[in-house]
Amino acid sequence: MRKLAVLLALALAGATAVHAQDYPTRPIRLVVPFAAGGAADAIARIVGKRVGEALGQTFVIEDRGGGNGGIGTEIVKNADPDGYTLLLGQSGPISINPGIYPKLAYDPEKDLVPISMTTSYPYILVVNPSLGVKTVAELVALAKSKPGALNYGTTGVGSSNHLVTELFADKAGIKVTHIPYRGTSLAVADLIAGQVQLVFADPVSALAHVKGGTLIALGVTSKARSPVAPDVPTIAESGYPGFDAVAWHGIMAPAGTPPAIVKRLNTEIVKAVKEPDVARLIEAQAIQVVGSTPEEFAAFIKKDVVLWREVAKQAHIEVK
């Protein structure tokens, strides 16, 4: 009986190896857990096109928004682990949702396999010039002189920039009032109009207004300065050492996907994002190319989940 079990295991291992060697033999579905037209959709199409060309198959992009990215993520969790359904993971559904939803239909660390982080970008702290501050220190001093009087805009309760702002407020020891919007463009529009006083915006939403003089950039949230805004200091160098918070994208697969398929995909994804023409397209979105091993990506996710869980708990952020 034991001998039969060993033979069966060897046969299954051989079948998996053959399957992985032949992979892929049909189009690959890449689920984007957000609506079409955003940064995640753009990254999926840029990377998917080049990886598909390398593999000799088409990447079919499927935008499935809802639930702060949870709906599309759950679809991939429940898919067959055969390498033909992948997820364009993002910090919201993967790193933040576990800390803000009491009941989540997936566990990103158990139900999904990291393949490669593709891209990342910091948030940029921007203010209206009429506020009269030009540095992070000046903003913090103003906020401390008027506890709760300054309003900050975000893309909604539990959104990435909601938690980034709360992380900053906690580190700086200030109290600011949250005003949620349905999108970054709406929050930035009200910032320009003076309805809110600060926003941690993504680079695409902020930089044009900074260059036009209608907003002032005080700092970026990454540990190093951003290539798209090299003159803007980091929050860390502005008096808060160790401050490091970025949004990111990466490709993932359902748990149980054969390691050989994960390795093949990782090789082609990293190769694709490093190609100069692909990198230029990505950087045109004011987003930075990464490219990582599955192990590096898994370690990053583990750390990121812990960070945002702690922030959500400290700020009492919960979405029901």
C-alpha atoms as a PDB file:
ATOM      1  CA  MET A   1       0.000   0.000   0.000  1.00  0.00           C
ATOM      2  CA  ARG A   2       2.829   2.347   0.945  1.00  0.00           C
ATOM      3  CA  LYS A   3       4.644   1.493  -2.278  1.00  0.00           C
ATOM      4  CA  LEU A   4       1.477   2.308  -4.255  1.00  0.00           C
ATOM      5  CA  ALA A   5       1.215   5.680  -2.524  1.00  0.00           C
ATOM      6  CA  VAL A   6       4.822   6.502  -3.387  1.00  0.00           C
ATOM      7  CA  LEU A   7       4.292   5.510  -7.024  1.00  0.00           C
ATOM      8  CA  LEU A   8       1.139   7.643  -7.179  1.00  0.00           C
ATOM      9  CA  ALA A   9       2.991  10.638  -5.734  1.00  0.00           C
ATOM     10  CA  LEU A  10       5.801  10.227  -8.259  1.00  0.00           C
ATOM     11  CA  ALA A  11       3.295   9.959 -11.095  1.00  0.00           C
ATOM     12  CA  LEU A  12       1.526  13.152  -9.972  1.00  0.00           C
ATOM     13  CA  ALA A  13       4.860  14.969  -9.670  1.00  0.00           C
ATOM     14  CA  GLY A  14       5.783  13.835 -13.181  1.00  0.00           C
ATOM     15  CA  ALA A  15       2.430  14.975 -14.549  1.00  0.00           C
ATOM     16  CA  THR A  16       2.881  18.396 -12.917  1.00  0.00           C
ATOM     17  CA  ALA A  17       6.358  18.738 -14.405  1.00  0.00           C
ATOM     18  CA  VAL A  18       5.073  17.894 -17.885  1.00  0.00           C
ATOM     19  CA  HIS A  19       2.181  20.321 -17.425  1.00  0.00           C
ATOM     20  CA  ALA A  20       4.560  23.090 -16.356  1.00  0.00           C
ATOM     21  CA  GLN A  21       6.916  22.344 -19.242  1.00  0.00           C
ATOM     22  CA  ASP A  22       4.081  22.729 -21.754  1.00  0.00           C
ATOM     23  CA  TYR A  23       2.674  25.847 -20.064  1.00  0.00           C
ATOM     24  CA  PRO A  24       1.023  27.898 -21.415  1.00  0.00           C
ATOM     25  CA  THR A  25      -1.122  26.313 -24.115  1.00  0.00           C
ATOM     26  CA  ARG A  26      -4.010  28.794 -24.031  1.00  0.00           C
ATOM     27  CA  PRO A  27      -4.699  32.451 -23.143  1.00  0.00           C
ATOM     28  CA  ILE A  28      -4.061  33.583 -19.569  1.00  0.00           C
ATOM     29  CA  ARG A  29      -6.641  35.603 -17.637  1.00  0.00           C
ATOM     30  CA  LEU A  30      -5.195  38.468 -15.577  1.00  0.00           C
ATOM     31  CA  VAL A  31      -7.790  39.793 -13.139  1.00  0.00           C
ATOM     32  CA  VAL A  32      -7.499  43.451 -12.133  1.00  0.00           C
ATOM     33  CA  PRO A  33      -9.586  43.967  -8.966  1.00  0.00           C
ATOM     34  CA  PHE A  34     -10.465  47.560  -9.865  1.00  0.00           C
ATOM     35  CA  ALA A  35     -12.406  49.395 -12.548  1.00  0.00           C
ATOM     36  CA  ALA A  36     -10.877  49.925 -15.977  1.00  0.00           C
ATOM     37  CA  GLY A  37      -8.923  53.096 -16.645  1.00  0.00           C
ATOM     38  CA  GLY A  38      -6.886  53.316 -13.452  1.00  0.00           C
ATOM     39  CA  ALA A  39      -3.205  52.747 -12.747  1.00  0.00           C
ATOM     40  CA  ALA A  40      -3.703  49.039 -11.968  1.00  0.00           C
ATOM     41  CA  ASP A  41      -5.443  48.488 -15.304  1.00  0.00           C
ATOM     42  CA  ALA A  42      -2.666  50.334 -17.144  1.00  0.00           C
ATOM     43  CA  ILE A  43       0.073  48.273 -15.468  1.00  0.00           C
ATOM     44  CA  ALA A  44      -1.770  45.029 -16.189  1.00  0.00           C
ATOM     45  CA  ARG A  45      -2.049  45.864 -19.886  1.00  0.00           C
ATOM     46  CA  ILE A  46       1.551  47.043 -20.265  1.00  0.00           C
ATOM     47  CA  VAL A  47       3.081  44.073 -18.460  1.00  0.00           C
ATOM     48  CA  GLY A  48       0.552  41.518 -19.712  1.00  0.00           C
ATOM     49  CA  LYS A  49       1.169  42.424 -23.332  1.00  0.00           C
ATOM     50  CA  ARG A  50       4.924  41.911 -23.126  1.00  0.00           C
ATOM     51  CA  VAL A  51       4.783  38.752 -20.991  1.00  0.00           C
ATOM     52  CA  GLY A  52       2.139  37.325 -23.296  1.00  0.00           C
ATOM     53  CA  GLU A  53       4.400  37.921 -26.286  1.00  0.00           C
ATOM     54  CA  ALA A  54       7.250  36.127 -24.514  1.00  0.00           C
ATOM     55  CA  LEU A  55       5.050  33.146 -23.624  1.00  0.00           C
ATOM     56  CA  GLY A  56       3.332  32.966 -26.995  1.00  0.00           C
ATOM     57  CA  GLN A  57      -0.128  33.454 -25.500  1.00  0.00           C
ATOM     58  CA  THR A  58      -2.496  36.371 -24.996  1.00  0.00           C
ATOM     59  CA  PHE A  59      -3.044  37.903 -21.576  1.00  0.00           C
ATOM     60  CA  VAL A  60      -6.762  38.671 -21.294  1.00  0.00           C
ATOM     61  CA  ILE A  61      -7.274  41.575 -18.878  1.00  0.00           C
ATOM     62  CA  GLU A  62     -10.447  41.273 -16.805  1.00  0.00           C
ATOM     63  CA  ASP A  63     -11.395  44.282 -14.650  1.00  0.00           C
ATOM     64  CA  ARG A  64     -13.485  43.177 -11.664  1.00  0.00           C
ATOM     65  CA  GLY A  65     -13.827  46.092  -9.257  1.00  0.00           C
ATOM     66  CA  GLY A  66     -15.650  46.248  -5.935  1.00  0.00           C
ATOM     67  CA  GLY A  67     -15.045  45.732  -2.244  1.00  0.00           C
ATOM     68  CA  ASN A  68     -11.806  47.747  -2.232  1.00  0.00           C
ATOM     69  CA  GLY A  69     -10.375  45.151  -4.603  1.00  0.00           C
ATOM     70  CA  GLY A  70     -11.762  42.215  -2.635  1.00  0.00           C
ATOM     71  CA  ILE A  71     -14.160  40.896  -5.265  1.00  0.00           C
ATOM     72  CA  GLY A  72     -11.546  40.399  -7.976  1.00  0.00           C
ATOM     73  CA  THR A  73      -9.090  38.992  -5.441  1.00  0.00           C
ATOM     74  CA  GLU A  74     -11.617  36.400  -4.273  1.00  0.00           C
ATOM     75  CA  ILE A  75     -12.240  35.364  -7.889  1.00  0.00           C
ATOM     76  CA  VAL A  76      -8.568  34.496  -8.284  1.00  0.00           C
ATOM     77  CA  LYS A  77      -8.431  32.760  -4.901  1.00  0.00           C
ATOM     78  CA  ASN A  78     -11.207  30.416  -6.054  1.00  0.00           C
ATOM     79  CA  ALA A  79      -9.754  29.771  -9.529  1.00  0.00           C
ATOM     80  CA  ASP A  80      -7.975  26.563 -10.536  1.00  0.00           C
ATOM     81  CA  PRO A  81      -4.281  26.784  -9.570  1.00  0.00           C
ATOM     82  CA  ASP A  82      -3.081  25.990 -13.063  1.00  0.00           C
ATOM     83  CA  GLY A  83      -1.444  29.273 -14.054  1.00  0.00           C
ATOM     84  CA  TYR A  84      -4.297  30.358 -16.328  1.00  0.00           C
ATOM     85  CA  THR A  85      -5.916  32.789 -13.863  1.00  0.00           C
ATOM     86  CA  LEU A  86      -3.667  35.401 -12.289  1.00  0.00           C
ATOM     87  CA  LEU A  87      -4.213  38.497 -10.146  1.00  0.00           C
ATOM     88  CA  LEU A  88      -2.804  41.974 -10.530  1.00  0.00           C
ATOM     89  CA  GLY A  89      -2.446  42.377  -6.772  1.00  0.00           C
ATOM     90  CA  GLN A  90      -2.271  45.769  -5.144  1.00  0.00           C
ATOM     91  CA  SER A  91      -1.581  47.127  -1.684  1.00  0.00           C
ATOM     92  CA  GLY A  92      -5.275  47.804  -0.946  1.00  0.00           C
ATOM     93  CA  PRO A  93      -6.785  44.319  -1.275  1.00  0.00           C
ATOM     94  CA  ILE A  94      -3.622  42.447  -0.281  1.00  0.00           C
ATOM     95  CA  SER A  95      -1.981  44.487   2.498  1.00  0.00           C
ATOM     96  CA  ILE A  96      -4.716  46.777   3.837  1.00  0.00           C
ATOM     97  CA  ASN A  97      -7.980  44.813   3.631  1.00  0.00           C
ATOM     98  CA  PRO A  98      -6.896  42.174   6.195  1.00  0.00           C
ATOM     99  CA  GLY A  99      -6.622  44.915   8.795  1.00  0.00           C
ATOM    100  CA  ILE A 100      -9.850  46.814   8.095  1.00  0.00           C
ATOM    101  CA  TYR A 101     -12.397  44.098   7.264  1.00  0.00           C
ATOM    102  CA  PRO A 102     -13.483  41.950  10.240  1.00  0.00           C
ATOM    103  CA  LYS A 103     -14.598  39.259   7.796  1.00  0.00           C
ATOM    104  CA  LEU A 104     -12.553  38.852   4.633  1.00  0.00           C
ATOM    105  CA  ALA A 105     -13.286  36.122   2.078  1.00  0.00           C
ATOM    106  CA  TYR A 106      -9.593  35.446   1.500  1.00  0.00           C
ATOM    107  CA  ASP A 107      -6.280  35.345   3.323  1.00  0.00           C
ATOM    108  CA  PRO A 108      -3.693  36.934   1.002  1.00  0.00           C
ATOM    109  CA  GLU A 109      -0.809  35.074   2.636  1.00  0.00           C
ATOM    110  CA  LYS A 110      -2.465  31.643   2.510  1.00  0.00           C
ATOM    111  CA  ASP A 111      -4.762  31.756  -0.516  1.00  0.00           C
ATOM    112  CA  LEU A 112      -2.424  33.411  -3.016  1.00  0.00           C
ATOM    113  CA  VAL A 113       1.102  32.799  -4.286  1.00  0.00           C
ATOM    114  CA  PRO A 114       3.295  35.874  -4.935  1.00  0.00           C
ATOM    115  CA  ILE A 115       5.021  35.747  -8.329  1.00  0.00           C
ATOM    116  CA  SER A 116       6.659  39.159  -8.681  1.00  0.00           C
ATOM    117  CA  MET A 117       6.126  42.702  -7.510  1.00  0.00           C
ATOM    118  CA  THR A 118       6.030  44.711 -10.715  1.00  0.00           C
ATOM    119  CA  THR A 119       5.828  48.335  -9.635  1.00  0.00           C
ATOM    120  CA  SER A 120       5.515  50.726  -6.704  1.00  0.00           C
ATOM    121  CA  TYR A 121       5.006  54.400  -6.028  1.00  0.00           C
ATOM    122  CA  PRO A 122       4.951  56.725  -3.015  1.00  0.00           C
ATOM    123  CA  TYR A 123       2.212  59.106  -2.063  1.00  0.00           C
ATOM    124  CA  ILE A 124       2.990  62.819  -2.214  1.00  0.00           C
ATOM    125  CA  LEU A 125       1.822  65.086   0.583  1.00  0.00           C
ATOM    126  CA  VAL A 126       0.357  68.160  -1.107  1.00  0.00           C
ATOM    127  CA  VAL A 127      -1.241  71.299   0.317  1.00  0.00           C
ATOM    128  CA  ASN A 128      -2.894  74.433  -0.977  1.00  0.00           C
ATOM    129  CA  PRO A 129      -0.488  77.410  -1.176  1.00  0.00           C
ATOM    130  CA  SER A 130      -2.992  79.479   0.817  1.00  0.00           C
ATOM    131  CA  LEU A 131      -2.274  77.323   3.853  1.00  0.00           C
ATOM    132  CA  GLY A 132       1.022  79.194   4.194  1.00  0.00           C
ATOM    133  CA  VAL A 133       3.286  76.186   4.800  1.00  0.00           C
ATOM    134  CA  LYS A 134       6.171  75.022   2.642  1.00  0.00           C
ATOM    135  CA  THR A 135       7.640  72.169   4.676  1.00  0.00           C
ATOM    136  CA  VAL A 136       6.440  69.143   6.625  1.00  0.00           C
ATOM    137  CA  ALA A 137       7.671  70.775   9.844  1.00  0.00           C
ATOM    138  CA  GLU A 138       5.596  73.884   9.188  1.00  0.00           C
ATOM    139  CA  LEU A 139       2.508  71.789   8.470  1.00  0.00           C
ATOM    140  CA  VAL A 140       2.949  69.801  11.673  1.00  0.00           C
ATOM    141  CA  ALA A 141       3.410  72.988  13.696  1.00  0.00           C
ATOM    142  CA  LEU A 142       0.224  74.456  12.211  1.00  0.00           C
ATOM    143  CA  ALA A 143      -1.743  71.256  12.849  1.00  0.00           C
ATOM    144  CA  LYS A 144      -0.550  71.144  16.472  1.00  0.00           C
ATOM    145  CA  SER A 145      -1.659  74.752  16.977  1.00  0.00           C
ATOM    146  CA  LYS A 146      -5.150  73.896  15.704  1.00  0.00           C
ATOM    147  CA  PRO A 147      -5.977  70.270  16.699  1.00  0.00           C
ATOM    148  CA  GLY A 148      -8.608  68.787  14.371  1.00  0.00           C
ATOM    149  CA  ALA A 149      -9.029  72.023  12.398  1.00  0.00           C
ATOM    150  CA  LEU A 150      -7.183  70.820   9.294  1.00  0.00           C
ATOM    151  CA  ASN A 151      -9.113  68.521   6.940  1.00  0.00           C
ATOM    152  CA  TYR A 152      -7.518  65.863   4.773  1.00  0.00           C
ATOM    153  CA  GLY A 153      -9.075  64.297   1.693  1.00  0.00           C
ATOM    154  CA  THR A 154      -8.826  60.631   0.689  1.00  0.00           C
ATOM    155  CA  THR A 155     -10.324  58.206  -1.792  1.00  0.00           C
ATOM    156  CA  GLY A 156     -12.551  56.737   0.915  1.00  0.00           C
ATOM    157  CA  VAL A 157     -12.630  54.999   4.290  1.00  0.00           C
ATOM    158  CA  GLY A 158     -10.014  52.259   4.370  1.00  0.00           C
ATOM    159  CA  SER A 159      -8.264  53.451   1.217  1.00  0.00           C
ATOM    160  CA  SER A 160      -4.486  53.454   0.931  1.00  0.00           C
ATOM    161  CA  ASN A 161      -4.134  57.202   1.332  1.00  0.00           C
ATOM    162  CA  HIS A 162      -6.547  57.165   4.285  1.00  0.00           C
ATOM    163  CA  LEU A 163      -4.196  54.843   6.172  1.00  0.00           C
ATOM    164  CA  VAL A 164      -1.074  56.659   4.957  1.00  0.00           C
ATOM    165  CA  THR A 165      -2.447  59.917   6.395  1.00  0.00           C
ATOM    166  CA  GLU A 166      -3.293  58.244   9.694  1.00  0.00           C
ATOM    167  CA  LEU A 167       0.210  56.763   9.841  1.00  0.00           C
ATOM    168  CA  PHE A 168       1.678  60.227   9.300  1.00  0.00           C
ATOM    169  CA  ALA A 169      -0.655  61.823  11.860  1.00  0.00           C
ATOM    170  CA  ASP A 170       0.334  59.231  14.438  1.00  0.00           C
ATOM    171  CA  LYS A 171       4.082  59.677  13.823  1.00  0.00           C
ATOM    172  CA  ALA A 172       3.762  63.474  13.865  1.00  0.00           C
ATOM    173  CA  GLY A 173       1.499  63.547  16.912  1.00  0.00           C
ATOM    174  CA  ILE A 174      -1.203  65.618  15.221  1.00  0.00           C
ATOM    175  CA  LYS A 175      -4.966  65.399  14.914  1.00  0.00           C
ATOM    176  CA  VAL A 176      -6.522  66.048  11.476  1.00  0.00           C
ATOM    177  CA  THR A 177     -10.080  65.468  10.249  1.00  0.00           C
ATOM    178  CA  HIS A 178     -10.872  62.896   7.557  1.00  0.00           C
ATOM    179  CA  ILE A 179     -13.007  63.875   4.550  1.00  0.00           C
ATOM    180  CA  PRO A 180     -13.585  60.835   2.276  1.00  0.00           C
ATOM    181  CA  TYR A 181     -14.208  61.200  -1.464  1.00  0.00           C
ATOM    182  CA  ARG A 182     -15.010  58.759  -4.265  1.00  0.00           C
ATOM    183  CA  GLY A 183     -11.732  59.311  -6.052  1.00  0.00           C
ATOM    184  CA  THR A 184      -8.400  61.096  -5.844  1.00  0.00           C
ATOM    185  CA  SER A 185      -9.356  63.616  -8.521  1.00  0.00           C
ATOM    186  CA  LEU A 186     -12.314  64.797  -6.419  1.00  0.00           C
ATOM    187  CA  ALA A 187     -10.173  65.133  -3.296  1.00  0.00           C
ATOM    188  CA  VAL A 188      -7.490  67.049  -5.208  1.00  0.00           C
ATOM    189  CA  ALA A 189     -10.115  69.316  -6.783  1.00  0.00           C
ATOM    190  CA  ASP A 190     -11.422  70.256  -3.333  1.00  0.00           C
ATOM    191  CA  LEU A 191      -7.847  70.737  -2.106  1.00  0.00           C
ATOM    192  CA  ILE A 192      -7.256  73.244  -4.911  1.00  0.00           C
ATOM    193  CA  ALA A 193     -10.572  74.924  -4.030  1.00  0.00           C
ATOM    194  CA  GLY A 194      -9.535  75.168  -0.368  1.00  0.00           C
ATOM    195  CA  GLN A 195     -12.241  72.837   0.959  1.00  0.00           C
ATOM    196  CA  VAL A 196      -9.610  70.505   2.449  1.00  0.00           C
ATOM    197  CA  GLN A 197      -6.106  71.436   3.527  1.00  0.00           C
ATOM    198  CA  LEU A 198      -3.967  68.403   2.694  1.00  0.00           C
ATOM    199  CA  VAL A 199      -3.999  65.226   0.614  1.00  0.00           C
ATOM    200  CA  PHE A 200      -1.603  62.324   0.270  1.00  0.00           C
ATOM    201  CA  ALA A 201      -2.080  61.903  -3.487  1.00  0.00           C
ATOM    202  CA  ASP A 202      -0.594  59.530  -6.020  1.00  0.00           C
ATOM    203  CA  PRO A 203       2.052  61.144  -8.253  1.00  0.00           C
ATOM    204  CA  VAL A 204      -0.117  61.239 -11.386  1.00  0.00           C
ATOM    205  CA  SER A 205      -2.892  63.128  -9.559  1.00  0.00           C
ATOM    206  CA  ALA A 206      -0.555  65.563  -7.828  1.00  0.00           C
ATOM    207  CA  LEU A 207       2.444  66.457  -9.967  1.00  0.00           C
ATOM    208  CA  ALA A 208       0.726  68.395 -12.743  1.00  0.00           C
ATOM    209  CA  HIS A 209      -0.819  70.699 -10.135  1.00  0.00           C
ATOM    210  CA  VAL A 210       2.502  71.042  -8.301  1.00  0.00           C
ATOM    211  CA  LYS A 211       4.256  72.015 -11.539  1.00  0.00           C
ATOM    212  CA  GLY A 212       1.422  74.431 -12.321  1.00  0.00           C
ATOM    213  CA  GLY A 213       1.761  76.117  -8.932  1.00  0.00           C
ATOM    214  CA  THR A 214      -1.745  75.359  -7.679  1.00  0.00           C
ATOM    215  CA  LEU A 215      -0.419  72.900  -5.076  1.00  0.00           C
ATOM    216  CA  ILE A 216       2.755  72.630  -3.001  1.00  0.00           C
ATOM    217  CA  ALA A 217       4.450  69.266  -2.496  1.00  0.00           C
ATOM    218  CA  LEU A 218       5.853  68.856   1.022  1.00  0.00           C
ATOM    219  CA  GLY A 219       7.091  65.275   1.059  1.00  0.00           C
ATOM    220  CA  VAL A 220       6.950  61.771  -0.382  1.00  0.00           C
ATOM    221  CA  THR A 221       6.171  58.681   1.680  1.00  0.00           C
ATOM    222  CA  SER A 222       8.876  56.331   0.339  1.00  0.00           C
ATOM    223  CA  LYS A 223      12.194  55.860   2.146  1.00  0.00           C
ATOM    224  CA  ALA A 224      14.052  57.321  -0.839  1.00  0.00           C
ATOM    225  CA  ARG A 225      13.142  60.305  -2.992  1.00  0.00           C
ATOM    226  CA  SER A 226      10.972  59.560  -5.997  1.00  0.00           C
ATOM    227  CA  PRO A 227      12.563  59.714  -9.475  1.00  0.00           C
ATOM    228  CA  VAL A 228       9.468  61.554 -10.712  1.00  0.00           C
ATOM    229  CA  ALA A 229       9.796  64.220  -7.996  1.00  0.00           C
ATOM    230  CA  PRO A 230      13.487  64.321  -7.034  1.00  0.00           C
ATOM    231  CA  ASP A 231      13.249  67.809  -5.524  1.00  0.00           C
ATOM    232  CA  VAL A 232      10.579  66.764  -3.013  1.00  0.00           C
ATOM    233  CA  PRO A 233      12.072  65.533   0.278  1.00  0.00           C
ATOM    234  CA  THR A 234      10.931  62.322   1.913  1.00  0.00           C
ATOM    235  CA  ILE A 235       8.824  62.353   5.064  1.00  0.00           C
ATOM    236  CA  ALA A 236      11.685  60.413   6.661  1.00  0.00           C
ATOM    237  CA  GLU A 237      14.245  63.137   6.000  1.00  0.00           C
ATOM    238  CA  SER A 238      11.744  65.777   7.112  1.00  0.00           C
ATOM    239  CA  GLY A 239      11.957  64.719  10.731  1.00  0.00           C
ATOM    240  CA  TYR A 240      10.451  61.212  10.802  1.00  0.00           C
ATOM    241  CA  PRO A 241      13.252  58.681  10.308  1.00  0.00           C
ATOM    242  CA  GLY A 242      12.131  55.271   9.133  1.00  0.00           C
ATOM    243  CA  PHE A 243       8.880  56.523   7.599  1.00  0.00           C
ATOM    244  CA  ASP A 244       8.303  54.300   4.575  1.00  0.00           C
ATOM    245  CA  ALA A 245       4.939  53.584   2.983  1.00  0.00           C
ATOM    246  CA  VAL A 246       4.309  52.850  -0.680  1.00  0.00           C
ATOM    247  CA  ALA A 247       1.530  51.626  -2.894  1.00  0.00           C
ATOM    248  CA  TRP A 248       2.436  48.723  -5.158  1.00  0.00           C
ATOM    249  CA  HIS A 249       1.313  46.305  -7.858  1.00  0.00           C
ATOM    250  CA  GLY A 250       2.350  42.711  -8.338  1.00  0.00           C
ATOM    251  CA  ILE A 251       1.248  39.528 -10.041  1.00  0.00           C
ATOM    252  CA  MET A 252      -0.059  36.646  -7.946  1.00  0.00           C
ATOM    253  CA  ALA A 253      -1.651  33.236  -8.503  1.00  0.00           C
ATOM    254  CA  PRO A 254      -4.003  30.956  -6.558  1.00  0.00           C
ATOM    255  CA  ALA A 255      -2.374  28.882  -3.827  1.00  0.00           C
ATOM    256  CA  GLY A 256      -1.289  25.495  -5.134  1.00  0.00           C
ATOM    257  CA  THR A 257      -0.022  26.778  -8.475  1.00  0.00           C
ATOM    258  CA  PRO A 258       2.912  24.540  -9.481  1.00  0.00           C
ATOM    259  CA  PRO A 259       6.304  26.059  -8.526  1.00  0.00           C
ATOM    260  CA  ALA A 260       7.614  25.484 -12.052  1.00  0.00           C
ATOM    261  CA  ILE A 261       4.836  27.682 -13.466  1.00  0.00           C
ATOM    262  CA  VAL A 262       5.469  30.351 -10.819  1.00  0.00           C
ATOM    263  CA  LYS A 263       9.159  30.306 -11.726  1.00  0.00           C
ATOM    264  CA  ARG A 264       8.439  30.576 -15.459  1.00  0.00           C
ATOM    265  CA  LEU A 265       6.086  33.484 -14.942  1.00  0.00           C
ATOM    266  CA  ASN A 266       8.491  35.217 -12.577  1.00  0.00           C
ATOM    267  CA  THR A 267      11.315  34.998 -15.098  1.00  0.00           C
ATOM    268  CA  GLU A 268       9.227  36.527 -17.876  1.00  0.00           C
ATOM    269  CA  ILE A 269       7.620  39.215 -15.693  1.00  0.00           C
ATOM    270  CA  VAL A 270      10.935  40.464 -14.300  1.00  0.00           C
ATOM    271  CA  LYS A 271      12.457  40.403 -17.780  1.00  0.00           C
ATOM    272  CA  ALA A 272       9.480  42.340 -19.170  1.00  0.00           C
ATOM    273  CA  VAL A 273       9.423  45.187 -16.628  1.00  0.00           C
ATOM    274  CA  LYS A 274      13.184  45.685 -17.006  1.00  0.00           C
ATOM    275  CA  GLU A 275      12.977  46.144 -20.780  1.00  0.00           C
ATOM    276  CA  PRO A 276      13.604  49.822 -21.621  1.00  0.00           C
ATOM    277  CA  ASP A 277      10.467  50.341 -23.722  1.00  0.00           C
ATOM    278  CA  VAL A 278       8.226  48.708 -21.091  1.00  0.00           C
ATOM    279  CA  ALA A 279       9.930  50.641 -18.286  1.00  0.00           C
ATOM    280  CA  ARG A 280       9.319  53.902 -20.171  1.00  0.00           C
ATOM    281  CA  LEU A 281       5.601  53.130 -20.492  1.00  0.00           C
ATOM    282  CA  ILE A 282       5.370  52.340 -16.784  1.00  0.00           C
ATOM    283  CA  GLU A 283       7.364  55.395 -15.729  1.00  0.00           C
ATOM    284  CA  ALA A 284       5.080  57.547 -17.893  1.00  0.00           C
ATOM    285  CA  GLN A 285       2.401  56.679 -15.308  1.00  0.00           C
ATOM    286  CA  ALA A 286       4.703  58.218 -12.625  1.00  0.00           C
ATOM    287  CA  ILE A 287       5.218  54.700 -11.278  1.00  0.00           C
ATOM    288  CA  GLN A 288       8.530  52.976 -10.574  1.00  0.00           C
ATOM    289  CA  VAL A 289       9.571  49.587 -11.942  1.00  0.00           C
ATOM    290  CA  VAL A 290      10.444  46.924  -9.362  1.00  0.00           C
ATOM    291  CA  GLY A 291      10.661  43.274 -10.497  1.00  0.00           C
ATOM    292  CA  SER A 292      11.311  40.842  -7.627  1.00  0.00           C
ATOM    293  CA  THR A 293      11.645  37.177  -6.762  1.00  0.00           C
ATOM    294  CA  PRO A 294       8.585  35.377  -5.322  1.00  0.00           C
ATOM    295  CA  GLU A 295      10.400  35.143  -1.980  1.00  0.00           C
ATOM    296  CA  GLU A 296      11.146  38.869  -1.870  1.00  0.00           C
ATOM    297  CA  PHE A 297       7.553  39.649  -2.770  1.00  0.00           C
ATOM    298  CA  ALA A 298       6.192  37.298  -0.071  1.00  0.00           C
ATOM    299  CA  ALA A 299       8.448  38.864   2.590  1.00  0.00           C
ATOM    300  CA  PHE A 300       7.346  42.364   1.572  1.00  0.00           C
ATOM    301  CA  ILE A 301       3.650  41.426   1.758  1.00  0.00           C
ATOM    302  CA  LYS A 302       4.093  39.906   5.215  1.00  0.00           C
ATOM    303  CA  LYS A 303       5.700  43.107   6.486  1.00  0.00           C
ATOM    304  CA  ASP A 304       3.147  45.340   4.729  1.00  0.00           C
ATOM    305  CA  VAL A 305       0.166  43.469   6.203  1.00  0.00           C
ATOM    306  CA  VAL A 306       1.596  43.941   9.713  1.00  0.00           C
ATOM    307  CA  LEU A 307       2.190  47.672   9.115  1.00  0.00           C
ATOM    308  CA  TRP A 308      -1.330  48.458   7.927  1.00  0.00           C
ATOM    309  CA  ARG A 309      -3.012  46.206  10.482  1.00  0.00           C
ATOM    310  CA  GLU A 310      -1.284  48.206  13.222  1.00  0.00           C
ATOM    311  CA  VAL A 311      -2.252  51.538  11.631  1.00  0.00           C
ATOM    312  CA  ALA A 312      -5.903  50.462  11.259  1.00  0.00           C
ATOM    313  CA  LYS A 313      -6.025  49.320  14.881  1.00  0.00           C
ATOM    314  CA  GLN A 314      -4.411  52.506  16.177  1.00  0.00           C
ATOM    315  CA  ALA A 315      -6.775  54.725  14.139  1.00  0.00           C
ATOM    316  CA  HIS A 316      -9.859  52.542  14.786  1.00  0.00           C
ATOM    317  CA  ILE A 317     -10.497  52.070  11.065  1.00  0.00           C
ATOM    318  CA  GLU A 318     -12.937  49.274  10.285  1.00  0.00           C
ATOM    319  CA  VAL A 319     -15.141  48.629   7.252  1.00  0.00           C
ATOM    320  CA  LYS A 320     -18.237  46.466   7.730  1.00  0.00           C
END
